[in-house]
Protein backbone atom coordinates (compact mmCIF):
# COMPACT_ATOMS: atom_id res chain seq x y z
CA MET A 1 115.04 104.16 119.78
CA ASP A 2 114.22 100.81 117.81
CA SER A 3 114.39 100.49 114.22
CA LYS A 4 110.67 101.04 113.25
CA GLU A 5 110.77 104.50 115.24
CA GLU A 6 114.22 105.49 113.71
CA PHE A 7 112.86 104.65 110.05
CA ILE A 8 109.13 106.56 110.81
CA LYS A 9 111.66 109.48 112.36
CA ILE A 10 113.63 110.04 109.32
CA PHE A 11 110.81 108.99 106.72
CA LYS A 12 108.71 111.81 108.31
CA GLU A 13 111.34 114.69 108.60
CA ASN A 14 112.88 113.87 104.57
CA ILE A 15 109.96 112.70 102.57
CA LYS A 16 107.03 115.33 101.88
CA ARG A 17 106.17 114.17 98.65
CA ASP A 18 102.33 114.09 97.82
CA GLY A 19 101.44 110.49 98.83
CA ALA A 20 104.35 109.68 101.49
CA ASP A 21 101.81 109.62 104.05
CA LYS A 22 99.44 106.62 102.05
CA LEU A 23 103.08 105.29 101.38
CA LEU A 24 103.81 104.90 105.07
CA ASP A 25 100.20 103.99 106.08
CA TYR A 26 100.83 101.36 103.95
CA LEU A 27 104.18 100.28 105.39
CA GLN A 28 102.77 100.17 108.82
CA ASN A 29 99.24 98.85 108.37
CA GLN A 30 98.93 96.82 105.30
CA SER A 31 102.73 95.31 105.11
CA ASP A 32 105.20 93.44 107.27
CA PHE A 33 107.75 95.99 106.13
CA PHE A 34 108.65 96.24 109.86
CA SER A 35 108.81 92.59 110.89
CA SER A 36 109.93 90.99 107.58
CA PRO A 37 113.49 89.55 107.50
CA ALA A 38 115.79 91.62 104.70
CA SER A 39 116.76 87.97 103.04
CA GLY A 40 116.09 84.44 104.15
CA LYS A 41 119.40 83.11 104.64
CA ARG A 42 122.03 86.08 103.96
CA HIS A 43 122.20 89.77 105.31
CA SER A 44 119.72 90.50 108.36
CA ASN A 45 117.70 87.36 108.04
CA PHE A 46 115.64 87.93 111.31
CA GLU A 47 112.45 89.15 112.52
CA GLY A 48 112.62 93.11 111.71
CA GLY A 49 115.71 92.73 109.76
CA LEU A 50 114.51 94.44 106.26
CA VAL A 51 113.65 97.66 108.16
CA PHE A 52 117.14 97.48 109.93
CA HIS A 53 118.75 96.51 106.55
CA SER A 54 117.02 99.63 105.02
CA LEU A 55 118.28 101.99 107.70
CA ASN A 56 122.06 100.84 107.34
CA VAL A 57 121.57 101.51 103.19
CA TYR A 58 120.08 104.89 104.07
CA LYS A 59 122.88 105.65 106.56
CA ARG A 60 125.62 104.61 103.99
CA LEU A 61 123.94 106.23 101.38
CA LYS A 62 124.22 109.53 102.92
CA LYS A 63 128.11 108.81 104.28
CA ASN A 64 128.83 108.08 100.70
CA VAL A 65 127.30 110.87 99.06
CA MET A 66 128.88 113.38 101.57
CA LEU A 67 132.22 111.78 101.29
CA GLU A 68 131.58 112.23 97.18
CA TYR A 69 130.32 115.67 97.10
CA GLY A 70 131.23 117.65 100.46
CA GLU A 71 129.08 119.23 102.78
CA ASN A 72 127.16 121.02 99.76
CA TYR A 73 126.02 117.56 98.75
CA THR A 74 122.45 118.87 98.33
CA GLU A 75 123.56 120.72 95.42
CA LYS A 76 123.72 117.57 94.05
CA ILE A 77 121.12 115.43 95.87
CA SER A 78 118.58 116.32 98.14
CA ASP A 79 117.81 114.88 101.71
CA GLU A 80 114.26 113.83 100.66
CA SER A 81 115.84 111.69 97.60
CA LEU A 82 118.57 110.19 100.15
CA ALA A 83 115.81 108.74 102.50
CA ILE A 84 113.28 107.59 99.76
CA ILE A 85 116.21 105.85 97.81
CA GLY A 86 118.22 104.45 100.93
CA LEU A 87 114.60 103.73 103.16
CA LEU A 88 112.59 102.28 100.54
CA HIS A 89 114.94 100.40 98.03
CA ASP A 90 114.10 97.19 98.95
CA LEU A 91 110.25 97.40 99.26
CA CYS A 92 110.27 94.56 97.00
CA LYS A 93 110.68 92.17 99.77
CA VAL A 94 107.63 93.37 101.68
CA ASN A 95 104.97 90.55 101.91
CA THR A 96 107.23 87.50 100.97
CA TYR A 97 108.54 85.90 103.81
CA THR A 98 106.63 83.59 105.87
CA VAL A 99 108.28 81.48 108.89
CA GLU A 100 107.69 77.80 108.03
CA GLN A 101 109.35 74.64 109.84
CA ARG A 102 112.30 72.63 108.13
CA ASN A 103 113.84 69.36 109.40
CA VAL A 104 117.46 69.51 110.78
CA LYS A 105 119.85 67.13 111.70
CA GLU A 106 121.18 67.87 115.19
CA ASN A 107 123.02 65.00 117.24
CA ASN A 108 122.26 62.37 115.09
CA ALA A 109 118.45 63.22 115.32
CA TRP A 110 116.25 64.91 113.21
CA VAL A 111 114.36 68.04 114.55
CA GLN A 112 112.41 70.86 113.22
CA LYS A 113 113.63 74.07 113.20
CA PRO A 114 111.89 77.56 111.59
CA TYR A 115 113.04 79.22 108.74
CA PHE A 116 112.32 81.70 106.49
CA ALA A 117 110.34 80.75 102.97
CA TYR A 118 110.34 83.07 100.36
CA TYR A 119 107.13 83.25 98.30
CA ASN A 120 107.08 86.01 95.57
CA ASN A 121 103.19 87.11 95.08
CA LEU A 122 104.41 89.81 92.89
CA PRO A 123 106.95 88.26 90.23
CA TYR A 124 107.81 91.89 88.76
CA GLY A 125 111.89 91.58 89.54
CA HIS A 126 113.60 93.13 92.50
CA GLY A 127 114.65 96.94 92.06
CA GLU A 128 111.98 97.15 89.08
CA LYS A 129 109.41 95.96 91.84
CA SER A 130 110.30 98.42 94.46
CA VAL A 131 110.18 101.14 91.77
CA TYR A 132 106.55 99.68 91.01
CA ILE A 133 105.22 99.70 94.45
CA ILE A 134 106.71 103.29 95.40
CA SER A 135 105.06 104.73 92.07
CA GLY A 136 101.65 103.20 93.28
CA PHE A 137 102.06 105.81 96.29
CA MET A 138 103.94 108.71 94.88
CA ARG A 139 105.77 109.93 92.03
CA LEU A 140 109.84 109.13 92.14
CA THR A 141 112.46 111.43 90.17
CA ARG A 142 114.13 110.03 87.29
CA GLU A 143 117.59 109.59 89.13
CA GLU A 144 115.58 108.30 92.04
CA ALA A 145 113.87 105.30 90.10
CA ILE A 146 117.39 104.58 88.24
CA ALA A 147 119.01 104.30 91.61
CA ILE A 148 116.34 101.85 93.19
CA ASN A 149 115.89 99.71 90.08
CA TRP A 150 119.76 99.40 89.57
CA HIS A 151 120.67 99.04 93.41
CA MET A 152 121.59 95.33 92.90
CA GLY A 153 124.01 96.27 90.09
CA GLY A 154 125.93 93.07 88.81
CA PHE A 155 123.70 91.07 91.06
CA ASP A 156 120.85 91.78 89.02
CA LEU A 157 120.63 89.30 86.04
CA ARG A 158 119.19 91.84 83.81
CA ALA A 159 122.51 93.10 83.60
CA MET A 160 124.03 89.93 81.76
CA GLY A 161 124.50 90.96 78.04
CA SER A 162 122.89 94.19 78.07
CA SER A 163 124.54 97.90 78.45
CA ASP A 164 121.56 99.19 80.45
CA LEU A 165 123.32 98.80 83.92
CA ALA A 166 126.62 100.69 82.43
CA ASP A 167 124.34 103.52 81.30
CA ALA A 168 122.52 104.29 84.23
CA TYR A 169 125.82 104.29 85.98
CA SER A 170 127.41 106.29 84.01
CA ARG A 171 124.52 108.93 83.71
CA TYR A 172 123.06 108.75 87.57
CA PRO A 173 126.33 108.70 90.02
CA ILE A 174 123.63 108.10 92.73
CA ALA A 175 122.83 104.65 91.42
CA VAL A 176 126.45 103.63 91.74
CA LEU A 177 126.56 105.27 95.49
CA THR A 178 123.34 103.20 96.10
CA HIS A 179 124.55 100.17 94.88
CA VAL A 180 128.21 100.24 96.77
CA SER A 181 125.71 101.32 99.86
CA ASP A 182 123.81 98.20 99.67
CA LEU A 183 126.64 96.28 99.52
CA GLU A 184 128.34 97.91 102.37
CA ALA A 185 125.31 97.46 104.84
CA SER A 186 124.72 94.07 103.74
CA TYR A 187 128.25 92.43 104.11
CA MET A 188 130.18 95.03 106.43
CA ASP A 189 127.19 96.04 108.83
CA GLU A 190 124.64 92.90 109.10
CA THR A 191 125.46 89.59 110.01
CA THR A 192 123.40 86.20 109.43
CA ASN A 193 121.92 84.13 111.54
CA LYS A 194 122.13 80.62 110.53
């Protein structure tokens, strides 16, 4: 099963909320979610990298939640919430990358090489932009929104000089586990193509 098929299978099996079908239709037919890279230079910077990364975060998140809460983890957080948070945390990257050419020196000669250029047509932030996009299709619970909003942890510049991140992490442990899962997926499961 390829990443797109796996994503759709997990999405349909777990996310039953009103509007989920419209969100999945948007991802499949009105966005580049399944072909976009997850980043331009770092983790999963290849075609299809965004869906690959989203699956990795989902798997890490489910594993981390099970390690933290045991086999009765659904008493703390539902499988639907885990799928929403893990699979959709980076929707902010949809429709933001294009393939362009740049000059690179190889063997003392300049050659053109493709790279992913980033164009943010909706400068709404990172995690908060994902929450905004998802909320256009379906309602999020407060803990889902907080986990997605703060999945970048201290890498989010909004955290500088603010107690919001610490407050979010102390009140919503799923936000901590989401950040850890995103780090593990990005730096342990995924490699870069330079």
